[in-house]
Amino acid sequence: ARIGRNPKTGEEVPILPRRVLTFRPSHLMKERVAAGNKR
């Protein structure tokens, strides 16, 4: 397992080598970024 970091909280998160969760940042990232920029 690698150690990753949660960008929001800054906490270290173990990244387990499994293929169950596929992270696609496309629309979710854009929504978060857009919401963040509106402040």
N, C-alpha and C. Protein backbone atom coordinates (compact mmCIF):
# COMPACT_ATOMS: atom_id res chain seq x y z
N ALA A 1 0.84 -1.20 0.00
CA ALA A 1 0.00 0.00 0.00
C ALA A 1 0.87 1.25 0.00
N ARG A 2 0.46 2.24 -0.77
CA ARG A 2 1.20 3.50 -0.79
C ARG A 2 0.50 4.47 0.15
N ILE A 3 1.23 5.50 0.55
CA ILE A 3 0.61 6.54 1.37
C ILE A 3 0.26 7.71 0.46
N GLY A 4 -1.02 8.01 0.42
CA GLY A 4 -1.47 9.15 -0.36
C GLY A 4 -1.88 10.25 0.59
N ARG A 5 -2.29 11.39 0.05
CA ARG A 5 -2.72 12.48 0.91
C ARG A 5 -4.05 13.02 0.41
N ASN A 6 -4.97 13.17 1.34
CA ASN A 6 -6.26 13.73 0.99
C ASN A 6 -6.09 15.24 0.78
N PRO A 7 -6.34 15.73 -0.43
CA PRO A 7 -6.12 17.16 -0.73
C PRO A 7 -6.98 18.08 0.12
N LYS A 8 -8.18 17.64 0.49
CA LYS A 8 -9.08 18.50 1.26
C LYS A 8 -8.64 18.62 2.70
N THR A 9 -8.36 17.46 3.34
CA THR A 9 -8.08 17.49 4.78
C THR A 9 -6.60 17.49 5.07
N GLY A 10 -5.79 17.04 4.09
CA GLY A 10 -4.35 17.00 4.30
C GLY A 10 -3.93 15.78 5.09
N GLU A 11 -4.88 14.90 5.40
CA GLU A 11 -4.53 13.71 6.17
C GLU A 11 -3.95 12.65 5.26
N GLU A 12 -3.08 11.81 5.84
CA GLU A 12 -2.47 10.77 5.04
C GLU A 12 -3.43 9.59 4.93
N VAL A 13 -3.59 9.10 3.72
CA VAL A 13 -4.52 8.00 3.48
C VAL A 13 -3.78 6.87 2.80
N PRO A 14 -3.89 5.65 3.34
CA PRO A 14 -3.27 4.51 2.68
C PRO A 14 -4.01 4.16 1.39
N ILE A 15 -3.27 4.07 0.30
CA ILE A 15 -3.87 3.70 -0.97
C ILE A 15 -3.63 2.22 -1.19
N LEU A 16 -4.70 1.46 -1.14
CA LEU A 16 -4.57 0.02 -1.28
C LEU A 16 -4.57 -0.36 -2.75
N PRO A 17 -3.71 -1.30 -3.11
CA PRO A 17 -3.62 -1.74 -4.50
C PRO A 17 -4.80 -2.61 -4.89
N ARG A 18 -5.94 -2.00 -5.12
CA ARG A 18 -7.11 -2.76 -5.55
C ARG A 18 -7.76 -2.01 -6.70
N ARG A 19 -8.49 -2.75 -7.52
CA ARG A 19 -9.05 -2.13 -8.72
C ARG A 19 -10.55 -1.89 -8.56
N VAL A 20 -11.04 -1.96 -7.34
CA VAL A 20 -12.47 -1.79 -7.11
C VAL A 20 -12.87 -0.35 -7.39
N LEU A 21 -12.07 0.57 -6.86
CA LEU A 21 -12.42 1.97 -7.00
C LEU A 21 -11.59 2.60 -8.12
N THR A 22 -12.27 3.04 -9.16
CA THR A 22 -11.57 3.75 -10.23
C THR A 22 -11.91 5.22 -10.07
N PHE A 23 -10.89 6.01 -9.84
CA PHE A 23 -11.11 7.42 -9.57
C PHE A 23 -11.01 8.21 -10.87
N ARG A 24 -12.14 8.76 -11.31
CA ARG A 24 -12.13 9.60 -12.50
C ARG A 24 -12.48 11.02 -12.09
N PRO A 25 -11.52 11.92 -12.08
CA PRO A 25 -11.71 13.27 -11.54
C PRO A 25 -12.53 14.19 -12.44
N SER A 26 -12.81 13.75 -13.67
CA SER A 26 -13.40 14.63 -14.67
C SER A 26 -14.51 15.55 -14.16
N HIS A 27 -15.74 15.03 -14.03
CA HIS A 27 -16.85 15.94 -13.72
C HIS A 27 -16.84 16.36 -12.25
N LEU A 28 -16.49 15.43 -11.37
CA LEU A 28 -16.51 15.75 -9.95
C LEU A 28 -15.49 16.84 -9.63
N MET A 29 -14.29 16.69 -10.19
CA MET A 29 -13.25 17.69 -9.96
C MET A 29 -13.69 19.05 -10.46
N LYS A 30 -14.23 19.07 -11.67
CA LYS A 30 -14.64 20.34 -12.25
C LYS A 30 -15.70 21.01 -11.40
N GLU A 31 -16.63 20.21 -10.87
CA GLU A 31 -17.67 20.78 -10.01
C GLU A 31 -17.06 21.38 -8.76
N ARG A 32 -16.13 20.61 -8.13
CA ARG A 32 -15.50 21.09 -6.90
C ARG A 32 -14.71 22.37 -7.16
N VAL A 33 -13.95 22.36 -8.27
CA VAL A 33 -13.13 23.52 -8.60
C VAL A 33 -14.01 24.72 -8.91
N ALA A 34 -15.07 24.49 -9.67
CA ALA A 34 -15.97 25.57 -10.03
C ALA A 34 -16.64 26.13 -8.77
N ALA A 35 -17.05 25.24 -7.88
CA ALA A 35 -17.70 25.67 -6.64
C ALA A 35 -16.71 26.45 -5.78
N GLY A 36 -15.46 26.01 -5.79
CA GLY A 36 -14.44 26.68 -4.98
C GLY A 36 -14.14 28.06 -5.52
N ASN A 37 -14.19 28.22 -6.84
CA ASN A 37 -13.86 29.50 -7.44
C ASN A 37 -14.96 30.53 -7.27
N LYS A 38 -16.17 30.07 -6.97
CA LYS A 38 -17.29 31.00 -6.87
C LYS A 38 -17.27 31.81 -5.58
N ARG A 39 -16.49 31.35 -4.59
CA ARG A 39 -16.48 32.07 -3.32
C ARG A 39 -15.89 33.46 -3.50
